[in-house]
Amino acid sequence: MSKFYARRRVSILAALTGLIASAALFNSPSASAALPTPVSAATARTYLASLTVATEDRTGYDRDLFPHWITQSGTCNTREVVLKRDGTNVVQDSACAATSGSWYSVYDGATWTAASDLDIDHLVPLAEAWDSGADGWTTSRRQAFANDLTRPQLIAVTDNVNQAKGDQDPATWMPSRTAYRCTYVRAWVQVKYYYGLSVDSAEKSALTTYLASC
């Protein structure tokens, strides 16, 4: 084999290897977006130490004050974007509704094949945010909070689990899967820190305890 053809063969093989690697990356589970990775436990502990501790005044909350599931692109709203992001092999119709796919709920370890079995959880609940400082926000900021795809705030989970959680904070509710609790509290603190929300004393105590074991 001539040096020219040898070099050409190496170049072709290198190009094919690159294409295969790129395709593998695109189709691998790691390439599928999920809950944005929260800050480290060390950073979360630093953030937590800086949060204002205040008693929550649970009055005046109205879910409609947080416009949610707004259009993100085309016909897709926030719920549909998260369902696509958090699922595997998700197929959507022309209206962006998920018609098939598989979803693993990290809170309880259940797997679902129907989108109707999933809720999109606001990791820091809207009512919790309201009582922690969002009552003084503009509507546009509350809308941004309720549809935040950048921070670890929205996640597709088993609907009944989300409903059982309600507006509770980590002092009274945590995912039943202990393996996910460190991720959960790191995300919780990151969201509260980013939005300048306060924590109550019981909440801070619980977060401190969970973060200590991360």
N, C-alpha and C. Protein backbone atom coordinates (compact mmCIF):
# COMPACT_ATOMS: atom_id res chain seq x y z
N MET A 1 0.85 -1.20 0.00
CA MET A 1 0.00 0.00 0.00
C MET A 1 0.89 1.24 0.00
N SER A 2 0.58 2.20 -0.90
CA SER A 2 1.39 3.41 -0.97
C SER A 2 1.16 4.28 0.26
N LYS A 3 2.13 5.19 0.50
CA LYS A 3 2.00 6.09 1.64
C LYS A 3 0.75 6.97 1.49
N PHE A 4 0.44 7.34 0.21
CA PHE A 4 -0.73 8.21 -0.03
C PHE A 4 -2.01 7.52 0.41
N TYR A 5 -2.17 6.25 -0.05
CA TYR A 5 -3.39 5.53 0.31
C TYR A 5 -3.44 5.17 1.79
N ALA A 6 -2.24 4.93 2.37
CA ALA A 6 -2.21 4.65 3.81
C ALA A 6 -2.69 5.86 4.60
N ARG A 7 -2.15 7.04 4.20
CA ARG A 7 -2.59 8.26 4.88
C ARG A 7 -4.06 8.52 4.67
N ARG A 8 -4.54 8.26 3.45
CA ARG A 8 -5.96 8.49 3.14
C ARG A 8 -6.85 7.58 3.97
N ARG A 9 -6.40 6.31 4.11
CA ARG A 9 -7.19 5.35 4.90
C ARG A 9 -7.26 5.77 6.35
N VAL A 10 -6.12 6.22 6.88
CA VAL A 10 -6.10 6.69 8.27
C VAL A 10 -7.02 7.87 8.45
N SER A 11 -7.01 8.79 7.49
CA SER A 11 -7.86 9.98 7.58
C SER A 11 -9.34 9.60 7.56
N ILE A 12 -9.69 8.65 6.66
CA ILE A 12 -11.09 8.22 6.57
C ILE A 12 -11.52 7.54 7.86
N LEU A 13 -10.63 6.65 8.39
CA LEU A 13 -10.96 5.96 9.64
C LEU A 13 -11.12 6.94 10.78
N ALA A 14 -10.28 7.96 10.82
CA ALA A 14 -10.37 8.96 11.89
C ALA A 14 -11.67 9.73 11.79
N ALA A 15 -12.05 10.06 10.56
CA ALA A 15 -13.30 10.80 10.36
C ALA A 15 -14.50 9.95 10.77
N LEU A 16 -14.46 8.65 10.38
CA LEU A 16 -15.57 7.76 10.74
C LEU A 16 -15.66 7.58 12.25
N THR A 17 -14.48 7.44 12.88
CA THR A 17 -14.46 7.29 14.34
C THR A 17 -15.06 8.51 15.02
N GLY A 18 -14.74 9.70 14.50
CA GLY A 18 -15.30 10.92 15.06
C GLY A 18 -16.80 10.99 14.91
N LEU A 19 -17.28 10.57 13.72
CA LEU A 19 -18.73 10.59 13.49
C LEU A 19 -19.44 9.61 14.40
N ILE A 20 -18.85 8.42 14.55
CA ILE A 20 -19.46 7.41 15.43
C ILE A 20 -19.49 7.90 16.87
N ALA A 21 -18.38 8.51 17.30
CA ALA A 21 -18.33 9.02 18.67
C ALA A 21 -19.36 10.11 18.88
N SER A 22 -19.51 10.98 17.88
CA SER A 22 -20.49 12.06 17.98
C SER A 22 -21.89 11.51 18.05
N ALA A 23 -22.16 10.48 17.23
CA ALA A 23 -23.50 9.88 17.23
C ALA A 23 -23.78 9.21 18.56
N ALA A 24 -22.77 8.54 19.09
CA ALA A 24 -22.94 7.88 20.39
C ALA A 24 -23.23 8.89 21.47
N LEU A 25 -22.53 10.00 21.44
CA LEU A 25 -22.74 11.05 22.44
C LEU A 25 -24.15 11.60 22.33
N PHE A 26 -24.61 11.82 21.11
CA PHE A 26 -25.93 12.39 20.90
C PHE A 26 -27.03 11.46 21.39
N ASN A 27 -26.82 10.13 21.20
CA ASN A 27 -27.88 9.18 21.52
C ASN A 27 -27.75 8.58 22.91
N SER A 28 -26.66 8.84 23.58
CA SER A 28 -26.46 8.25 24.90
C SER A 28 -27.32 8.94 25.94
N PRO A 29 -27.65 8.24 27.05
CA PRO A 29 -28.44 8.86 28.12
C PRO A 29 -27.83 10.14 28.64
N SER A 30 -26.48 10.20 28.69
CA SER A 30 -25.84 11.38 29.24
C SER A 30 -26.06 12.61 28.36
N ALA A 31 -26.39 12.36 27.07
CA ALA A 31 -26.61 13.49 26.17
C ALA A 31 -27.99 14.10 26.37
N SER A 32 -28.89 13.30 26.97
CA SER A 32 -30.23 13.80 27.21
C SER A 32 -30.20 14.70 28.43
N ALA A 33 -30.75 15.88 28.28
CA ALA A 33 -30.75 16.82 29.40
C ALA A 33 -31.66 16.30 30.51
N ALA A 34 -31.39 16.69 31.71
CA ALA A 34 -32.23 16.35 32.86
C ALA A 34 -32.20 17.54 33.79
N LEU A 35 -32.59 17.31 35.04
CA LEU A 35 -32.51 18.40 36.02
C LEU A 35 -31.10 18.97 35.99
N PRO A 36 -30.95 20.26 35.78
CA PRO A 36 -29.60 20.84 35.78
C PRO A 36 -28.86 20.44 37.06
N THR A 37 -27.62 20.03 36.92
CA THR A 37 -26.85 19.56 38.08
C THR A 37 -26.72 20.66 39.13
N PRO A 38 -27.15 20.37 40.35
CA PRO A 38 -27.05 21.39 41.41
C PRO A 38 -25.60 21.67 41.79
N VAL A 39 -25.41 22.73 42.53
CA VAL A 39 -24.09 23.06 43.06
C VAL A 39 -23.63 21.95 43.99
N SER A 40 -22.34 21.92 44.27
CA SER A 40 -21.78 20.91 45.16
C SER A 40 -22.31 21.09 46.58
N ALA A 41 -22.13 20.06 47.40
CA ALA A 41 -22.57 20.14 48.79
C ALA A 41 -21.82 21.25 49.53
N ALA A 42 -20.54 21.39 49.23
CA ALA A 42 -19.75 22.44 49.89
C ALA A 42 -20.27 23.82 49.54
N THR A 43 -20.58 24.01 48.26
CA THR A 43 -21.14 25.31 47.84
C THR A 43 -22.52 25.51 48.44
N ALA A 44 -23.31 24.45 48.49
CA ALA A 44 -24.65 24.55 49.06
C ALA A 44 -24.58 24.95 50.54
N ARG A 45 -23.61 24.40 51.25
CA ARG A 45 -23.45 24.76 52.67
C ARG A 45 -23.08 26.23 52.82
N THR A 46 -22.25 26.72 51.91
CA THR A 46 -21.88 28.14 51.93
C THR A 46 -23.09 29.00 51.63
N TYR A 47 -23.86 28.61 50.62
CA TYR A 47 -25.07 29.35 50.27
C TYR A 47 -26.05 29.38 51.44
N LEU A 48 -26.25 28.21 52.04
CA LEU A 48 -27.21 28.09 53.14
C LEU A 48 -26.84 29.02 54.29
N ALA A 49 -25.58 29.11 54.58
CA ALA A 49 -25.12 29.96 55.69
C ALA A 49 -25.44 31.43 55.44
N SER A 50 -25.59 31.80 54.17
CA SER A 50 -25.83 33.21 53.85
C SER A 50 -27.32 33.56 53.71
N LEU A 51 -28.18 32.53 53.72
CA LEU A 51 -29.61 32.79 53.55
C LEU A 51 -30.21 33.42 54.81
N THR A 52 -31.13 34.34 54.60
CA THR A 52 -31.84 34.97 55.72
C THR A 52 -32.77 33.96 56.37
N VAL A 53 -32.74 33.91 57.69
CA VAL A 53 -33.65 33.05 58.44
C VAL A 53 -34.82 33.90 58.90
N ALA A 54 -36.02 33.50 58.49
CA ALA A 54 -37.21 34.28 58.83
C ALA A 54 -38.42 33.37 58.96
N THR A 55 -39.35 33.78 59.80
CA THR A 55 -40.59 33.03 59.96
C THR A 55 -41.47 33.25 58.74
N GLU A 56 -42.06 32.17 58.23
CA GLU A 56 -42.91 32.28 57.06
C GLU A 56 -44.31 32.74 57.45
N ASP A 57 -44.86 33.61 56.65
CA ASP A 57 -46.23 34.09 56.86
C ASP A 57 -47.09 33.49 55.75
N ARG A 58 -47.73 32.37 56.05
CA ARG A 58 -48.44 31.65 55.01
C ARG A 58 -49.85 32.23 54.77
N THR A 59 -49.86 33.44 54.23
CA THR A 59 -51.13 34.07 53.87
C THR A 59 -50.98 34.73 52.50
N GLY A 60 -52.07 34.81 51.77
CA GLY A 60 -52.10 35.55 50.52
C GLY A 60 -51.64 34.80 49.28
N TYR A 61 -51.23 33.53 49.43
CA TYR A 61 -50.75 32.80 48.26
C TYR A 61 -51.88 32.45 47.31
N ASP A 62 -51.62 32.64 46.02
CA ASP A 62 -52.55 32.27 44.96
C ASP A 62 -51.71 31.74 43.81
N ARG A 63 -51.92 30.52 43.40
CA ARG A 63 -51.11 29.90 42.34
C ARG A 63 -51.15 30.72 41.05
N ASP A 64 -52.25 31.39 40.81
CA ASP A 64 -52.37 32.18 39.58
C ASP A 64 -51.41 33.37 39.57
N LEU A 65 -50.83 33.69 40.72
CA LEU A 65 -49.86 34.79 40.77
C LEU A 65 -48.50 34.38 40.19
N PHE A 66 -48.37 33.08 39.90
CA PHE A 66 -47.16 32.54 39.28
C PHE A 66 -47.53 31.97 37.91
N PRO A 67 -47.60 32.78 36.86
CA PRO A 67 -47.94 32.24 35.54
C PRO A 67 -46.98 31.11 35.17
N HIS A 68 -47.54 29.91 34.96
CA HIS A 68 -46.68 28.78 34.70
C HIS A 68 -47.12 28.01 33.45
N TRP A 69 -46.21 27.18 33.01
CA TRP A 69 -46.34 26.41 31.77
C TRP A 69 -46.56 27.35 30.58
N ILE A 70 -45.68 28.34 30.53
CA ILE A 70 -45.70 29.29 29.42
C ILE A 70 -45.08 28.65 28.18
N THR A 71 -45.33 29.21 27.03
CA THR A 71 -44.74 28.71 25.79
C THR A 71 -43.24 28.95 25.81
N GLN A 72 -42.48 27.89 25.52
CA GLN A 72 -41.02 27.99 25.49
C GLN A 72 -40.50 28.13 24.06
N SER A 73 -41.08 27.36 23.15
CA SER A 73 -40.72 27.46 21.74
C SER A 73 -41.77 26.74 20.90
N GLY A 74 -42.10 27.33 19.75
CA GLY A 74 -43.12 26.71 18.90
C GLY A 74 -44.42 26.50 19.64
N THR A 75 -44.86 25.24 19.68
CA THR A 75 -46.10 24.90 20.39
C THR A 75 -45.81 24.27 21.75
N CYS A 76 -44.55 24.25 22.15
CA CYS A 76 -44.16 23.56 23.38
C CYS A 76 -44.15 24.48 24.59
N ASN A 77 -44.89 24.09 25.63
CA ASN A 77 -44.84 24.86 26.86
C ASN A 77 -43.84 24.23 27.83
N THR A 78 -43.69 24.83 28.98
CA THR A 78 -42.66 24.40 29.94
C THR A 78 -42.84 22.95 30.36
N ARG A 79 -44.07 22.54 30.63
CA ARG A 79 -44.31 21.14 31.04
C ARG A 79 -43.83 20.18 29.96
N GLU A 80 -44.16 20.48 28.71
CA GLU A 80 -43.79 19.58 27.63
C GLU A 80 -42.29 19.53 27.40
N VAL A 81 -41.63 20.67 27.60
CA VAL A 81 -40.17 20.70 27.47
C VAL A 81 -39.53 19.82 28.54
N VAL A 82 -40.02 19.89 29.77
CA VAL A 82 -39.45 19.09 30.86
C VAL A 82 -39.73 17.61 30.64
N LEU A 83 -40.92 17.28 30.17
CA LEU A 83 -41.24 15.88 29.89
C LEU A 83 -40.29 15.31 28.84
N LYS A 84 -40.03 16.08 27.81
CA LYS A 84 -39.09 15.65 26.77
C LYS A 84 -37.68 15.53 27.35
N ARG A 85 -37.28 16.50 28.13
CA ARG A 85 -35.94 16.53 28.72
C ARG A 85 -35.69 15.37 29.67
N ASP A 86 -36.66 15.07 30.52
CA ASP A 86 -36.47 14.08 31.57
C ASP A 86 -36.80 12.66 31.17
N GLY A 87 -37.39 12.47 29.99
CA GLY A 87 -37.78 11.14 29.56
C GLY A 87 -36.77 10.48 28.64
N THR A 88 -37.07 9.24 28.29
CA THR A 88 -36.25 8.46 27.35
C THR A 88 -37.12 8.07 26.16
N ASN A 89 -36.59 8.27 24.97
CA ASN A 89 -37.32 7.94 23.73
C ASN A 89 -38.70 8.60 23.70
N VAL A 90 -38.78 9.84 24.10
CA VAL A 90 -40.06 10.55 24.12
C VAL A 90 -40.46 10.99 22.71
N VAL A 91 -41.66 10.65 22.33
CA VAL A 91 -42.23 11.05 21.04
C VAL A 91 -43.32 12.07 21.31
N GLN A 92 -43.29 13.18 20.58
CA GLN A 92 -44.30 14.23 20.75
C GLN A 92 -45.06 14.43 19.45
N ASP A 93 -46.34 14.79 19.57
CA ASP A 93 -47.14 15.04 18.38
C ASP A 93 -46.96 16.48 17.92
N SER A 94 -47.73 16.90 16.92
CA SER A 94 -47.57 18.23 16.34
C SER A 94 -47.90 19.35 17.33
N ALA A 95 -48.64 18.99 18.39
CA ALA A 95 -48.98 19.97 19.43
C ALA A 95 -47.99 19.93 20.59
N CYS A 96 -46.94 19.12 20.43
CA CYS A 96 -45.86 18.97 21.41
C CYS A 96 -46.24 18.09 22.60
N ALA A 97 -47.40 17.45 22.57
CA ALA A 97 -47.81 16.56 23.65
C ALA A 97 -47.05 15.24 23.53
N ALA A 98 -46.55 14.72 24.63
CA ALA A 98 -45.82 13.46 24.63
C ALA A 98 -46.79 12.30 24.42
N THR A 99 -46.59 11.55 23.34
CA THR A 99 -47.48 10.43 23.03
C THR A 99 -46.91 9.10 23.46
N SER A 100 -45.62 9.04 23.65
CA SER A 100 -44.98 7.82 24.16
C SER A 100 -43.62 8.17 24.73
N GLY A 101 -43.07 7.21 25.46
CA GLY A 101 -41.78 7.42 26.09
C GLY A 101 -41.70 6.70 27.41
N SER A 102 -40.61 6.92 28.14
CA SER A 102 -40.42 6.30 29.44
C SER A 102 -39.83 7.33 30.38
N TRP A 103 -40.35 7.35 31.60
CA TRP A 103 -39.88 8.32 32.58
C TRP A 103 -39.55 7.63 33.90
N TYR A 104 -38.37 7.92 34.43
CA TYR A 104 -37.97 7.39 35.73
C TYR A 104 -38.09 8.50 36.75
N SER A 105 -38.90 8.28 37.77
CA SER A 105 -39.12 9.27 38.81
C SER A 105 -38.06 9.12 39.90
N VAL A 106 -37.16 10.09 39.97
CA VAL A 106 -36.04 9.98 40.92
C VAL A 106 -36.47 10.10 42.37
N TYR A 107 -37.64 10.62 42.62
CA TYR A 107 -38.11 10.76 44.00
C TYR A 107 -38.46 9.41 44.64
N ASP A 108 -39.10 8.53 43.83
CA ASP A 108 -39.59 7.28 44.39
C ASP A 108 -39.11 6.03 43.65
N GLY A 109 -38.38 6.19 42.55
CA GLY A 109 -37.85 5.04 41.83
C GLY A 109 -38.82 4.36 40.90
N ALA A 110 -39.98 4.96 40.65
CA ALA A 110 -40.97 4.37 39.76
C ALA A 110 -40.68 4.76 38.30
N THR A 111 -41.05 3.86 37.38
CA THR A 111 -40.91 4.14 35.96
C THR A 111 -42.29 4.16 35.32
N TRP A 112 -42.53 5.15 34.48
CA TRP A 112 -43.84 5.33 33.85
C TRP A 112 -43.70 5.43 32.33
N THR A 113 -44.75 4.98 31.64
CA THR A 113 -44.75 5.06 30.17
C THR A 113 -45.88 5.93 29.65
N ALA A 114 -46.59 6.59 30.54
CA ALA A 114 -47.65 7.52 30.14
C ALA A 114 -47.36 8.88 30.78
N ALA A 115 -47.33 9.91 29.96
CA ALA A 115 -47.04 11.24 30.46
C ALA A 115 -48.04 11.70 31.51
N SER A 116 -49.25 11.17 31.44
CA SER A 116 -50.30 11.56 32.38
C SER A 116 -50.00 11.11 33.81
N ASP A 117 -49.04 10.20 33.96
CA ASP A 117 -48.66 9.73 35.29
C ASP A 117 -47.59 10.61 35.92
N LEU A 118 -47.16 11.65 35.20
CA LEU A 118 -46.09 12.52 35.68
C LEU A 118 -46.61 13.92 35.98
N ASP A 119 -46.14 14.48 37.08
CA ASP A 119 -46.29 15.91 37.36
C ASP A 119 -44.93 16.56 37.16
N ILE A 120 -44.93 17.84 36.84
CA ILE A 120 -43.68 18.59 36.84
C ILE A 120 -43.62 19.30 38.18
N ASP A 121 -42.71 18.84 39.02
CA ASP A 121 -42.59 19.40 40.36
C ASP A 121 -41.77 20.68 40.34
N HIS A 122 -42.30 21.70 41.00
CA HIS A 122 -41.47 22.86 41.34
C HIS A 122 -40.72 22.44 42.60
N LEU A 123 -39.43 22.17 42.46
CA LEU A 123 -38.67 21.63 43.57
C LEU A 123 -38.83 22.51 44.81
N VAL A 124 -38.64 23.80 44.66
CA VAL A 124 -39.05 24.75 45.70
C VAL A 124 -40.47 25.15 45.33
N PRO A 125 -41.48 24.68 46.07
CA PRO A 125 -42.87 24.92 45.69
C PRO A 125 -43.21 26.41 45.57
N LEU A 126 -44.20 26.69 44.76
CA LEU A 126 -44.61 28.08 44.54
C LEU A 126 -45.08 28.73 45.84
N ALA A 127 -45.86 27.98 46.62
CA ALA A 127 -46.35 28.54 47.89
C ALA A 127 -45.19 28.78 48.85
N GLU A 128 -44.22 27.89 48.85
CA GLU A 128 -43.03 28.06 49.69
C GLU A 128 -42.27 29.32 49.28
N ALA A 129 -42.17 29.53 47.97
CA ALA A 129 -41.49 30.73 47.48
C ALA A 129 -42.24 31.99 47.90
N TRP A 130 -43.55 31.95 47.77
CA TRP A 130 -44.38 33.10 48.14
C TRP A 130 -44.13 33.48 49.59
N ASP A 131 -44.10 32.48 50.46
CA ASP A 131 -43.94 32.73 51.89
C ASP A 131 -42.50 33.01 52.29
N SER A 132 -41.59 32.89 51.33
CA SER A 132 -40.17 33.11 51.61
C SER A 132 -39.63 34.36 50.94
N GLY A 133 -40.54 35.16 50.36
CA GLY A 133 -40.09 36.41 49.74
C GLY A 133 -40.69 36.73 48.39
N ALA A 134 -41.27 35.74 47.72
CA ALA A 134 -41.82 35.98 46.38
C ALA A 134 -43.09 36.83 46.40
N ASP A 135 -43.65 37.01 47.60
CA ASP A 135 -44.83 37.88 47.69
C ASP A 135 -44.48 39.32 47.34
N GLY A 136 -43.20 39.66 47.38
CA GLY A 136 -42.79 41.02 47.04
C GLY A 136 -42.24 41.15 45.63
N TRP A 137 -42.31 40.06 44.86
CA TRP A 137 -41.79 40.08 43.50
C TRP A 137 -42.80 40.67 42.51
N THR A 138 -42.28 41.02 41.34
CA THR A 138 -43.15 41.37 40.22
C THR A 138 -43.72 40.08 39.62
N THR A 139 -44.79 40.21 38.87
CA THR A 139 -45.38 39.04 38.21
C THR A 139 -44.39 38.41 37.24
N SER A 140 -43.60 39.21 36.56
CA SER A 140 -42.65 38.67 35.59
C SER A 140 -41.58 37.83 36.28
N ARG A 141 -41.17 38.24 37.48
CA ARG A 141 -40.17 37.45 38.21
C ARG A 141 -40.79 36.15 38.72
N ARG A 142 -42.03 36.21 39.15
CA ARG A 142 -42.70 34.98 39.58
C ARG A 142 -42.89 34.03 38.39
N GLN A 143 -43.16 34.59 37.23
CA GLN A 143 -43.28 33.76 36.02
C GLN A 143 -41.95 33.09 35.69
N ALA A 144 -40.86 33.84 35.80
CA ALA A 144 -39.54 33.28 35.54
C ALA A 144 -39.22 32.15 36.51
N PHE A 145 -39.58 32.33 37.76
CA PHE A 145 -39.36 31.30 38.79
C PHE A 145 -40.16 30.05 38.48
N ALA A 146 -41.41 30.21 38.09
CA ALA A 146 -42.30 29.09 37.86
C ALA A 146 -41.98 28.30 36.59
N ASN A 147 -41.14 28.87 35.74
CA ASN A 147 -40.81 28.22 34.46
C ASN A 147 -39.30 28.10 34.26
N ASP A 148 -38.55 28.09 35.34
CA ASP A 148 -37.09 28.13 35.28
C ASP A 148 -36.50 26.79 34.82
N LEU A 149 -35.96 26.78 33.62
CA LEU A 149 -35.32 25.59 33.07
C LEU A 149 -33.81 25.62 33.25
N THR A 150 -33.29 26.70 33.77
CA THR A 150 -31.84 26.86 33.93
C THR A 150 -31.37 26.38 35.30
N ARG A 151 -32.06 26.76 36.34
CA ARG A 151 -31.75 26.29 37.68
C ARG A 151 -32.39 24.90 37.90
N PRO A 152 -31.93 24.14 38.92
CA PRO A 152 -32.51 22.82 39.21
C PRO A 152 -33.83 22.95 39.96
N GLN A 153 -34.84 23.47 39.28
CA GLN A 153 -36.11 23.81 39.91
C GLN A 153 -37.29 22.98 39.39
N LEU A 154 -37.20 22.46 38.18
CA LEU A 154 -38.31 21.72 37.58
C LEU A 154 -37.89 20.29 37.25
N ILE A 155 -38.73 19.32 37.63
CA ILE A 155 -38.40 17.92 37.39
C ILE A 155 -39.66 17.09 37.26
N ALA A 156 -39.65 16.14 36.32
CA ALA A 156 -40.80 15.25 36.11
C ALA A 156 -40.75 14.10 37.11
N VAL A 157 -41.81 13.96 37.90
CA VAL A 157 -41.86 12.91 38.93
C VAL A 157 -43.26 12.32 38.98
N THR A 158 -43.39 11.20 39.68
CA THR A 158 -44.69 10.55 39.87
C THR A 158 -45.70 11.55 40.41
N ASP A 159 -46.86 11.62 39.74
CA ASP A 159 -47.84 12.65 40.12
C ASP A 159 -48.30 12.53 41.57
N ASN A 160 -48.57 11.32 42.04
CA ASN A 160 -49.04 11.16 43.42
C ASN A 160 -47.99 11.58 44.44
N VAL A 161 -46.73 11.36 44.10
CA VAL A 161 -45.65 11.75 45.00
C VAL A 161 -45.57 13.27 45.08
N ASN A 162 -45.68 13.91 43.93
CA ASN A 162 -45.65 15.37 43.91
C ASN A 162 -46.82 15.96 44.70
N GLN A 163 -47.98 15.34 44.56
CA GLN A 163 -49.16 15.83 45.26
C GLN A 163 -49.03 15.62 46.76
N ALA A 164 -48.39 14.52 47.16
CA ALA A 164 -48.17 14.28 48.59
C ALA A 164 -47.17 15.29 49.16
N LYS A 165 -46.20 15.68 48.36
CA LYS A 165 -45.23 16.69 48.79
C LYS A 165 -45.92 18.03 49.02
N GLY A 166 -46.81 18.42 48.11
CA GLY A 166 -47.51 19.68 48.24
C GLY A 166 -46.55 20.85 48.32
N ASP A 167 -46.72 21.69 49.34
CA ASP A 167 -45.85 22.87 49.49
C ASP A 167 -44.88 22.71 50.66
N GLN A 168 -44.58 21.45 51.02
CA GLN A 168 -43.72 21.21 52.17
C GLN A 168 -42.25 21.45 51.85
N ASP A 169 -41.50 21.86 52.87
CA ASP A 169 -40.06 22.04 52.71
C ASP A 169 -39.34 20.83 53.31
N PRO A 170 -38.01 20.75 53.21
CA PRO A 170 -37.28 19.56 53.68
C PRO A 170 -37.40 19.25 55.16
N ALA A 171 -37.95 20.15 55.95
CA ALA A 171 -38.16 19.85 57.36
C ALA A 171 -39.28 18.84 57.56
N THR A 172 -40.20 18.77 56.59
CA THR A 172 -41.35 17.88 56.73
C THR A 172 -41.53 16.90 55.58
N TRP A 173 -40.79 17.09 54.49
CA TRP A 173 -40.90 16.15 53.36
C TRP A 173 -39.56 16.03 52.64
N MET A 174 -39.23 14.77 52.32
CA MET A 174 -38.05 14.49 51.49
C MET A 174 -38.38 13.31 50.58
N PRO A 175 -37.68 13.19 49.44
CA PRO A 175 -37.92 12.05 48.55
C PRO A 175 -37.71 10.73 49.31
N SER A 176 -38.54 9.74 49.00
CA SER A 176 -38.41 8.45 49.68
C SER A 176 -37.12 7.74 49.29
N ARG A 177 -36.61 8.02 48.11
CA ARG A 177 -35.32 7.45 47.69
C ARG A 177 -34.19 8.22 48.38
N THR A 178 -33.60 7.58 49.36
CA THR A 178 -32.54 8.25 50.12
C THR A 178 -31.35 8.62 49.23
N ALA A 179 -31.15 7.87 48.14
CA ALA A 179 -30.03 8.14 47.24
C ALA A 179 -30.16 9.49 46.55
N TYR A 180 -31.38 10.03 46.51
CA TYR A 180 -31.58 11.30 45.80
C TYR A 180 -31.61 12.50 46.75
N ARG A 181 -31.58 12.26 48.02
CA ARG A 181 -31.79 13.35 48.97
C ARG A 181 -30.68 14.40 48.94
N CYS A 182 -29.45 13.97 48.73
CA CYS A 182 -28.36 14.94 48.66
C CYS A 182 -28.55 15.87 47.47
N THR A 183 -28.90 15.30 46.33
CA THR A 183 -29.16 16.11 45.13
C THR A 183 -30.31 17.08 45.40
N TYR A 184 -31.34 16.58 46.06
CA TYR A 184 -32.53 17.37 46.34
C TYR A 184 -32.22 18.60 47.20
N VAL A 185 -31.48 18.40 48.28
CA VAL A 185 -31.21 19.54 49.16
C VAL A 185 -30.21 20.52 48.53
N ARG A 186 -29.28 20.00 47.76
CA ARG A 186 -28.36 20.89 47.05
C ARG A 186 -29.13 21.78 46.08
N ALA A 187 -30.08 21.17 45.37
CA ALA A 187 -30.90 21.93 44.43
C ALA A 187 -31.77 22.94 45.17
N TRP A 188 -32.36 22.53 46.27
CA TRP A 188 -33.23 23.40 47.06
C TRP A 188 -32.48 24.67 47.49
N VAL A 189 -31.30 24.46 48.05
CA VAL A 189 -30.51 25.60 48.53
C VAL A 189 -30.08 26.49 47.36
N GLN A 190 -29.69 25.88 46.25
CA GLN A 190 -29.27 26.68 45.10
C GLN A 190 -30.39 27.58 44.59
N VAL A 191 -31.59 27.03 44.49
CA VAL A 191 -32.73 27.81 44.00
C VAL A 191 -33.05 28.94 44.98
N LYS A 192 -33.09 28.63 46.26
CA LYS A 192 -33.39 29.67 47.25
C LYS A 192 -32.32 30.77 47.24
N TYR A 193 -31.08 30.36 47.09
CA TYR A 193 -29.99 31.33 47.07
C TYR A 193 -30.08 32.22 45.83
N TYR A 194 -30.31 31.61 44.68
CA TYR A 194 -30.35 32.37 43.44
C TYR A 194 -31.47 33.42 43.47
N TYR A 195 -32.61 33.03 44.03
CA TYR A 195 -33.76 33.94 44.04
C TYR A 195 -33.84 34.80 45.30
N GLY A 196 -32.89 34.67 46.19
CA GLY A 196 -32.87 35.50 47.38
C GLY A 196 -34.01 35.20 48.34
N LEU A 197 -34.42 33.94 48.41
CA LEU A 197 -35.51 33.55 49.30
C LEU A 197 -34.98 33.20 50.68
N SER A 198 -35.81 33.39 51.68
CA SER A 198 -35.40 33.08 53.05
C SER A 198 -35.67 31.62 53.39
N VAL A 199 -35.20 31.19 54.54
CA VAL A 199 -35.50 29.87 55.09
C VAL A 199 -36.00 30.07 56.51
N ASP A 200 -36.88 29.18 56.97
CA ASP A 200 -37.27 29.26 58.37
C ASP A 200 -36.31 28.38 59.18
N SER A 201 -36.37 28.48 60.49
CA SER A 201 -35.38 27.81 61.34
C SER A 201 -35.41 26.28 61.20
N ALA A 202 -36.63 25.70 61.14
CA ALA A 202 -36.73 24.24 61.01
C ALA A 202 -36.20 23.78 59.66
N GLU A 203 -36.49 24.55 58.64
CA GLU A 203 -36.01 24.25 57.29
C GLU A 203 -34.48 24.29 57.25
N LYS A 204 -33.90 25.33 57.82
CA LYS A 204 -32.44 25.45 57.81
C LYS A 204 -31.80 24.31 58.59
N SER A 205 -32.38 23.94 59.71
CA SER A 205 -31.85 22.86 60.51
C SER A 205 -31.86 21.55 59.72
N ALA A 206 -32.97 21.27 59.02
CA ALA A 206 -33.07 20.05 58.21
C ALA A 206 -32.06 20.07 57.08
N LEU A 207 -31.96 21.19 56.39
CA LEU A 207 -31.00 21.30 55.28
C LEU A 207 -29.57 21.11 55.76
N THR A 208 -29.25 21.68 56.91
CA THR A 208 -27.92 21.56 57.49
C THR A 208 -27.59 20.10 57.78
N THR A 209 -28.54 19.39 58.33
CA THR A 209 -28.35 17.98 58.66
C THR A 209 -28.14 17.13 57.41
N TYR A 210 -28.99 17.33 56.40
CA TYR A 210 -28.86 16.55 55.18
C TYR A 210 -27.57 16.88 54.44
N LEU A 211 -27.20 18.13 54.37
CA LEU A 211 -25.99 18.52 53.66
C LEU A 211 -24.73 18.00 54.35
N ALA A 212 -24.80 17.82 55.65
CA ALA A 212 -23.64 17.33 56.40
C ALA A 212 -23.26 15.91 55.98
N SER A 213 -24.24 15.18 55.48
CA SER A 213 -23.97 13.77 55.09
C SER A 213 -23.78 13.63 53.58
N CYS A 214 -23.76 14.73 52.85
CA CYS A 214 -23.56 14.66 51.40
C CYS A 214 -22.09 14.44 51.06
